[in-house]
PDB file of N, CA and C in Angstrom:
ATOM      1  N   MET A   1     -47.288  22.905 -83.297  1.00  0.00           N
ATOM      2  CA  MET A   1     -47.362  21.494 -82.977  1.00  0.00           C
ATOM      3  C   MET A   1     -48.771  21.181 -82.488  1.00  0.00           C
ATOM      4  N   LYS A   2     -49.435  20.315 -83.177  1.00  0.00           N
ATOM      5  CA  LYS A   2     -50.785  19.928 -82.803  1.00  0.00           C
ATOM      6  C   LYS A   2     -50.723  18.697 -81.899  1.00  0.00           C
ATOM      7  N   LEU A   3     -51.432  18.773 -80.774  1.00  0.00           N
ATOM      8  CA  LEU A   3     -51.439  17.644 -79.852  1.00  0.00           C
ATOM      9  C   LEU A   3     -52.419  16.584 -80.338  1.00  0.00           C
ATOM     10  N   GLN A   4     -51.984  15.342 -80.257  1.00  0.00           N
ATOM     11  CA  GLN A   4     -52.838  14.229 -80.651  1.00  0.00           C
ATOM     12  C   GLN A   4     -53.614  13.740 -79.438  1.00  0.00           C
ATOM     13  N   LYS A   5     -54.560  12.842 -79.689  1.00  0.00           N
ATOM     14  CA  LYS A   5     -55.409  12.327 -78.615  1.00  0.00           C
ATOM     15  C   LYS A   5     -54.581  11.610 -77.550  1.00  0.00           C
ATOM     16  N   SER A   6     -53.541  10.901 -77.964  1.00  0.00           N
ATOM     17  CA  SER A   6     -52.707  10.183 -76.999  1.00  0.00           C
ATOM     18  C   SER A   6     -51.965  11.155 -76.080  1.00  0.00           C
ATOM     19  N   HIS A   7     -51.618  12.343 -76.598  1.00  0.00           N
ATOM     20  CA  HIS A   7     -50.961  13.336 -75.759  1.00  0.00           C
ATOM     21  C   HIS A   7     -51.907  13.844 -74.670  1.00  0.00           C
ATOM     22  N   TYR A   8     -53.173  14.054 -75.017  1.00  0.00           N
ATOM     23  CA  TYR A   8     -54.150  14.500 -74.026  1.00  0.00           C
ATOM     24  C   TYR A   8     -54.377  13.429 -72.955  1.00  0.00           C
ATOM     25  N   ILE A   9     -54.411  12.172 -73.364  1.00  0.00           N
ATOM     26  CA  ILE A   9     -54.589  11.081 -72.400  1.00  0.00           C
ATOM     27  C   ILE A   9     -53.394  11.020 -71.464  1.00  0.00           C
ATOM     28  N   LEU A  10     -52.184  11.130 -72.016  1.00  0.00           N
ATOM     29  CA  LEU A  10     -50.976  11.101 -71.197  1.00  0.00           C
ATOM     30  C   LEU A  10     -50.929  12.298 -70.246  1.00  0.00           C
ATOM     31  N   LEU A  11     -51.295  13.462 -70.728  1.00  0.00           N
ATOM     32  CA  LEU A  11     -51.328  14.656 -69.890  1.00  0.00           C
ATOM     33  C   LEU A  11     -52.356  14.513 -68.766  1.00  0.00           C
ATOM     34  N   GLY A  12     -53.513  13.952 -69.079  1.00  0.00           N
ATOM     35  CA  GLY A  12     -54.538  13.735 -68.063  1.00  0.00           C
ATOM     36  C   GLY A  12     -54.099  12.747 -66.992  1.00  0.00           C
ATOM     37  N   LEU A  13     -53.467  11.661 -67.414  1.00  0.00           N
ATOM     38  CA  LEU A  13     -52.977  10.672 -66.448  1.00  0.00           C
ATOM     39  C   LEU A  13     -51.886  11.256 -65.566  1.00  0.00           C
ATOM     40  N   LEU A  14     -51.008  12.041 -66.157  1.00  0.00           N
ATOM     41  CA  LEU A  14     -49.946  12.672 -65.379  1.00  0.00           C
ATOM     42  C   LEU A  14     -50.523  13.642 -64.351  1.00  0.00           C
ATOM     43  N   LEU A  15     -51.519  14.405 -64.753  1.00  0.00           N
ATOM     44  CA  LEU A  15     -52.159  15.352 -63.845  1.00  0.00           C
ATOM     45  C   LEU A  15     -52.848  14.619 -62.691  1.00  0.00           C
ATOM     46  N   ILE A  16     -53.531  13.544 -62.997  1.00  0.00           N
ATOM     47  CA  ILE A  16     -54.210  12.762 -61.951  1.00  0.00           C
ATOM     48  C   ILE A  16     -53.193  12.175 -60.982  1.00  0.00           C
ATOM     49  N   MET A  17     -52.095  11.636 -61.511  1.00  0.00           N
ATOM     50  CA  MET A  17     -51.071  11.040 -60.643  1.00  0.00           C
ATOM     51  C   MET A  17     -50.444  12.099 -59.740  1.00  0.00           C
ATOM     52  N   LEU A  18     -50.190  13.292 -60.271  1.00  0.00           N
ATOM     53  CA  LEU A  18     -49.601  14.351 -59.452  1.00  0.00           C
ATOM     54  C   LEU A  18     -50.557  14.801 -58.351  1.00  0.00           C
ATOM     55  N   LEU A  19     -51.833  14.942 -58.686  1.00  0.00           N
ATOM     56  CA  LEU A  19     -52.797  15.388 -57.685  1.00  0.00           C
ATOM     57  C   LEU A  19     -53.000  14.342 -56.596  1.00  0.00           C
ATOM     58  N   LEU A  20     -53.027  13.070 -56.959  1.00  0.00           N
ATOM     59  CA  LEU A  20     -53.221  12.021 -55.960  1.00  0.00           C
ATOM     60  C   LEU A  20     -51.987  11.853 -55.090  1.00  0.00           C
ATOM     61  N   SER A  21     -50.807  11.991 -55.658  1.00  0.00           N
ATOM     62  CA  SER A  21     -49.599  11.795 -54.868  1.00  0.00           C
ATOM     63  C   SER A  21     -49.411  12.918 -53.855  1.00  0.00           C
ATOM     64  N   THR A  22     -49.787  14.149 -54.198  1.00  0.00           N
ATOM     65  CA  THR A  22     -49.628  15.233 -53.234  1.00  0.00           C
ATOM     66  C   THR A  22     -50.624  15.091 -52.089  1.00  0.00           C
ATOM     67  N   GLU A  23     -51.804  14.581 -52.375  1.00  0.00           N
ATOM     68  CA  GLU A  23     -52.784  14.389 -51.316  1.00  0.00           C
ATOM     69  C   GLU A  23     -52.375  13.229 -50.416  1.00  0.00           C
ATOM     70  N   ALA A  24     -51.791  12.206 -50.976  1.00  0.00           N
ATOM     71  CA  ALA A  24     -51.415  11.035 -50.200  1.00  0.00           C
ATOM     72  C   ALA A  24     -50.197  11.308 -49.327  1.00  0.00           C
ATOM     73  N   SER A  25     -49.310  12.207 -49.740  1.00  0.00           N
ATOM     74  CA  SER A  25     -48.090  12.437 -48.980  1.00  0.00           C
ATOM     75  C   SER A  25     -48.204  13.595 -47.983  1.00  0.00           C
ATOM     76  N   ALA A  26     -49.363  14.218 -47.888  1.00  0.00           N
ATOM     77  CA  ALA A  26     -49.535  15.325 -46.958  1.00  0.00           C
ATOM     78  C   ALA A  26     -49.506  14.802 -45.525  1.00  0.00           C
ATOM     79  N   GLN A  27     -48.792  15.504 -44.660  1.00  0.00           N
ATOM     80  CA  GLN A  27     -48.675  15.091 -43.266  1.00  0.00           C
ATOM     81  C   GLN A  27     -49.030  16.270 -42.370  1.00  0.00           C
ATOM     82  N   LEU A  28     -49.706  15.967 -41.282  1.00  0.00           N
ATOM     83  CA  LEU A  28     -50.048  17.003 -40.320  1.00  0.00           C
ATOM     84  C   LEU A  28     -48.867  17.222 -39.382  1.00  0.00           C
ATOM     85  N   PRO A  29     -48.617  18.462 -39.003  1.00  0.00           N
ATOM     86  CA  PRO A  29     -47.512  18.714 -38.068  1.00  0.00           C
ATOM     87  C   PRO A  29     -47.841  18.161 -36.687  1.00  0.00           C
ATOM     88  N   VAL A  30     -46.825  17.758 -35.973  1.00  0.00           N
ATOM     89  CA  VAL A  30     -46.999  17.187 -34.639  1.00  0.00           C
ATOM     90  C   VAL A  30     -46.561  18.228 -33.607  1.00  0.00           C
ATOM     91  N   PHE A  31     -47.455  18.557 -32.674  1.00  0.00           N
ATOM     92  CA  PHE A  31     -47.166  19.510 -31.613  1.00  0.00           C
ATOM     93  C   PHE A  31     -47.230  18.797 -30.269  1.00  0.00           C
ATOM     94  N   ASP A  32     -46.598  19.423 -29.277  1.00  0.00           N
ATOM     95  CA  ASP A  32     -46.716  18.914 -27.911  1.00  0.00           C
ATOM     96  C   ASP A  32     -48.145  19.125 -27.425  1.00  0.00           C
ATOM     97  N   ASP A  33     -48.504  18.402 -26.370  1.00  0.00           N
ATOM     98  CA  ASP A  33     -49.867  18.484 -25.845  1.00  0.00           C
ATOM     99  C   ASP A  33     -50.175  19.838 -25.216  1.00  0.00           C
ATOM    100  N   ASP A  34     -49.163  20.571 -24.765  1.00  0.00           N
ATOM    101  CA  ASP A  34     -49.408  21.830 -24.084  1.00  0.00           C
ATOM    102  C   ASP A  34     -49.553  23.026 -25.033  1.00  0.00           C
ATOM    103  N   VAL A  35     -49.478  22.812 -26.327  1.00  0.00           N
ATOM    104  CA  VAL A  35     -49.603  23.895 -27.295  1.00  0.00           C
ATOM    105  C   VAL A  35     -51.080  24.112 -27.601  1.00  0.00           C
ATOM    106  N   GLY A  36     -51.546  25.371 -27.524  1.00  0.00           N
ATOM    107  CA  GLY A  36     -52.951  25.675 -27.735  1.00  0.00           C
ATOM    108  C   GLY A  36     -53.217  26.272 -29.115  1.00  0.00           C
ATOM    109  N   ASP A  37     -52.697  25.656 -30.159  1.00  0.00           N
ATOM    110  CA  ASP A  37     -52.900  26.182 -31.505  1.00  0.00           C
ATOM    111  C   ASP A  37     -54.266  25.803 -32.048  1.00  0.00           C
ATOM    112  N   GLU A  38     -54.662  26.533 -33.076  1.00  0.00           N
ATOM    113  CA  GLU A  38     -55.890  26.217 -33.794  1.00  0.00           C
ATOM    114  C   GLU A  38     -55.666  24.940 -34.610  1.00  0.00           C
ATOM    115  N   PRO A  39     -56.732  24.181 -34.892  1.00  0.00           N
ATOM    116  CA  PRO A  39     -56.552  22.985 -35.725  1.00  0.00           C
ATOM    117  C   PRO A  39     -56.114  23.374 -37.144  1.00  0.00           C
ATOM    118  N   VAL A  40     -55.369  22.488 -37.765  1.00  0.00           N
ATOM    119  CA  VAL A  40     -54.852  22.748 -39.108  1.00  0.00           C
ATOM    120  C   VAL A  40     -56.002  22.677 -40.109  1.00  0.00           C
ATOM    121  N   ALA A  41     -56.120  23.687 -40.948  1.00  0.00           N
ATOM    122  CA  ALA A  41     -57.172  23.723 -41.964  1.00  0.00           C
ATOM    123  C   ALA A  41     -56.662  23.055 -43.234  1.00  0.00           C
ATOM    124  N   PRO A  42     -57.444  22.165 -43.821  1.00  0.00           N
ATOM    125  CA  PRO A  42     -57.004  21.501 -45.050  1.00  0.00           C
ATOM    126  C   PRO A  42     -57.058  22.467 -46.240  1.00  0.00           C
ATOM    127  N   ILE A  43     -56.254  22.170 -47.249  1.00  0.00           N
ATOM    128  CA  ILE A  43     -56.276  22.966 -48.474  1.00  0.00           C
ATOM    129  C   ILE A  43     -57.526  22.575 -49.250  1.00  0.00           C
ATOM    130  N   ASN A  44     -58.235  23.561 -49.727  1.00  0.00           N
ATOM    131  CA  ASN A  44     -59.489  23.335 -50.430  1.00  0.00           C
ATOM    132  C   ASN A  44     -59.255  22.565 -51.734  1.00  0.00           C
ATOM    133  N   GLY A  45     -60.125  21.624 -52.060  1.00  0.00           N
ATOM    134  CA  GLY A  45     -60.006  20.831 -53.271  1.00  0.00           C
ATOM    135  C   GLY A  45     -60.282  21.609 -54.538  1.00  0.00           C
ATOM    136  N   LEU A  46     -60.887  22.794 -54.409  1.00  0.00           N
ATOM    137  CA  LEU A  46     -61.164  23.598 -55.593  1.00  0.00           C
ATOM    138  C   LEU A  46     -59.897  24.188 -56.199  1.00  0.00           C
ATOM    139  N   ILE A  47     -58.808  24.244 -55.436  1.00  0.00           N
ATOM    140  CA  ILE A  47     -57.553  24.747 -55.978  1.00  0.00           C
ATOM    141  C   ILE A  47     -57.062  23.828 -57.084  1.00  0.00           C
ATOM    142  N   ALA A  48     -57.142  22.523 -56.864  1.00  0.00           N
ATOM    143  CA  ALA A  48     -56.710  21.559 -57.881  1.00  0.00           C
ATOM    144  C   ALA A  48     -57.583  21.665 -59.130  1.00  0.00           C
ATOM    145  N   MET A  49     -58.883  21.851 -58.938  1.00  0.00           N
ATOM    146  CA  MET A  49     -59.770  21.988 -60.087  1.00  0.00           C
ATOM    147  C   MET A  49     -59.462  23.282 -60.849  1.00  0.00           C
ATOM    148  N   GLY A  50     -59.150  24.344 -60.139  1.00  0.00           N
ATOM    149  CA  GLY A  50     -58.782  25.602 -60.776  1.00  0.00           C
ATOM    150  C   GLY A  50     -57.503  25.478 -61.589  1.00  0.00           C
ATOM    151  N   LEU A  51     -56.527  24.731 -61.055  1.00  0.00           N
ATOM    152  CA  LEU A  51     -55.296  24.502 -61.808  1.00  0.00           C
ATOM    153  C   LEU A  51     -55.560  23.693 -63.066  1.00  0.00           C
ATOM    154  N   ALA A  52     -56.421  22.693 -62.969  1.00  0.00           N
ATOM    155  CA  ALA A  52     -56.737  21.869 -64.136  1.00  0.00           C
ATOM    156  C   ALA A  52     -57.451  22.696 -65.207  1.00  0.00           C
ATOM    157  N   VAL A  53     -58.401  23.513 -64.800  1.00  0.00           N
ATOM    158  CA  VAL A  53     -59.122  24.350 -65.764  1.00  0.00           C
ATOM    159  C   VAL A  53     -58.180  25.378 -66.374  1.00  0.00           C
ATOM    160  N   GLY A  54     -57.312  25.964 -65.574  1.00  0.00           N
ATOM    161  CA  GLY A  54     -56.338  26.921 -66.087  1.00  0.00           C
ATOM    162  C   GLY A  54     -55.376  26.281 -67.076  1.00  0.00           C
ATOM    163  N   GLY A  55     -54.947  25.049 -66.788  1.00  0.00           N
ATOM    164  CA  GLY A  55     -54.084  24.325 -67.723  1.00  0.00           C
ATOM    165  C   GLY A  55     -54.786  24.040 -69.027  1.00  0.00           C
ATOM    166  N   TYR A  56     -56.049  23.650 -68.943  1.00  0.00           N
ATOM    167  CA  TYR A  56     -56.828  23.383 -70.162  1.00  0.00           C
ATOM    168  C   TYR A  56     -56.967  24.643 -71.005  1.00  0.00           C
ATOM    169  N   LEU A  57     -57.313  25.747 -70.349  1.00  0.00           N
ATOM    170  CA  LEU A  57     -57.471  26.997 -71.092  1.00  0.00           C
ATOM    171  C   LEU A  57     -56.146  27.466 -71.687  1.00  0.00           C
ATOM    172  N   GLY A  58     -55.051  27.262 -70.960  1.00  0.00           N
ATOM    173  CA  GLY A  58     -53.745  27.633 -71.482  1.00  0.00           C
ATOM    174  C   GLY A  58     -53.349  26.825 -72.703  1.00  0.00           C
ATOM    175  N   ILE A  59     -53.582  25.517 -72.646  1.00  0.00           N
ATOM    176  CA  ILE A  59     -53.270  24.650 -73.788  1.00  0.00           C
ATOM    177  C   ILE A  59     -54.143  25.019 -74.968  1.00  0.00           C
ATOM    178  N   ARG A  60     -55.410  25.301 -74.710  1.00  0.00           N
ATOM    179  CA  ARG A  60     -56.315  25.678 -75.799  1.00  0.00           C
ATOM    180  C   ARG A  60     -55.882  26.996 -76.450  1.00  0.00           C
ATOM    181  N   LYS A  61     -55.426  27.934 -75.626  1.00  0.00           N
ATOM    182  CA  LYS A  61     -54.976  29.221 -76.158  1.00  0.00           C
ATOM    183  C   LYS A  61     -53.688  29.065 -76.964  1.00  0.00           C
ATOM    184  N   ILE A  62     -52.783  28.206 -76.513  1.00  0.00           N
ATOM    185  CA  ILE A  62     -51.532  27.970 -77.242  1.00  0.00           C
ATOM    186  C   ILE A  62     -51.818  27.334 -78.596  1.00  0.00           C
ATOM    187  N   ASN A  63     -52.800  26.448 -78.663  1.00  0.00           N
ATOM    188  CA  ASN A  63     -53.094  25.749 -79.911  1.00  0.00           C
ATOM    189  C   ASN A  63     -53.750  26.654 -80.954  1.00  0.00           C
ATOM    190  N   LYS A  64     -54.360  27.760 -80.528  1.00  0.00           N
ATOM    191  CA  LYS A  64     -55.036  28.644 -81.485  1.00  0.00           C
ATOM    192  C   LYS A  64     -54.058  29.498 -82.233  1.00  0.00           C
TER     193      LYS A  64
END
């Protein structure tokens, strides 16, 4: 099955919507004031780019 240009556009839009929705819905945990924990470290943005590149390479390999 060969993917058409419209399929790539739809896949790209879906990927963008998923990445934006996960970033928008992230919530920091709430602790009491007497807890001496380290500050919460954010997830690096390069993970999303790595997933996108991996998806592209996977689709390209499937099409060959």
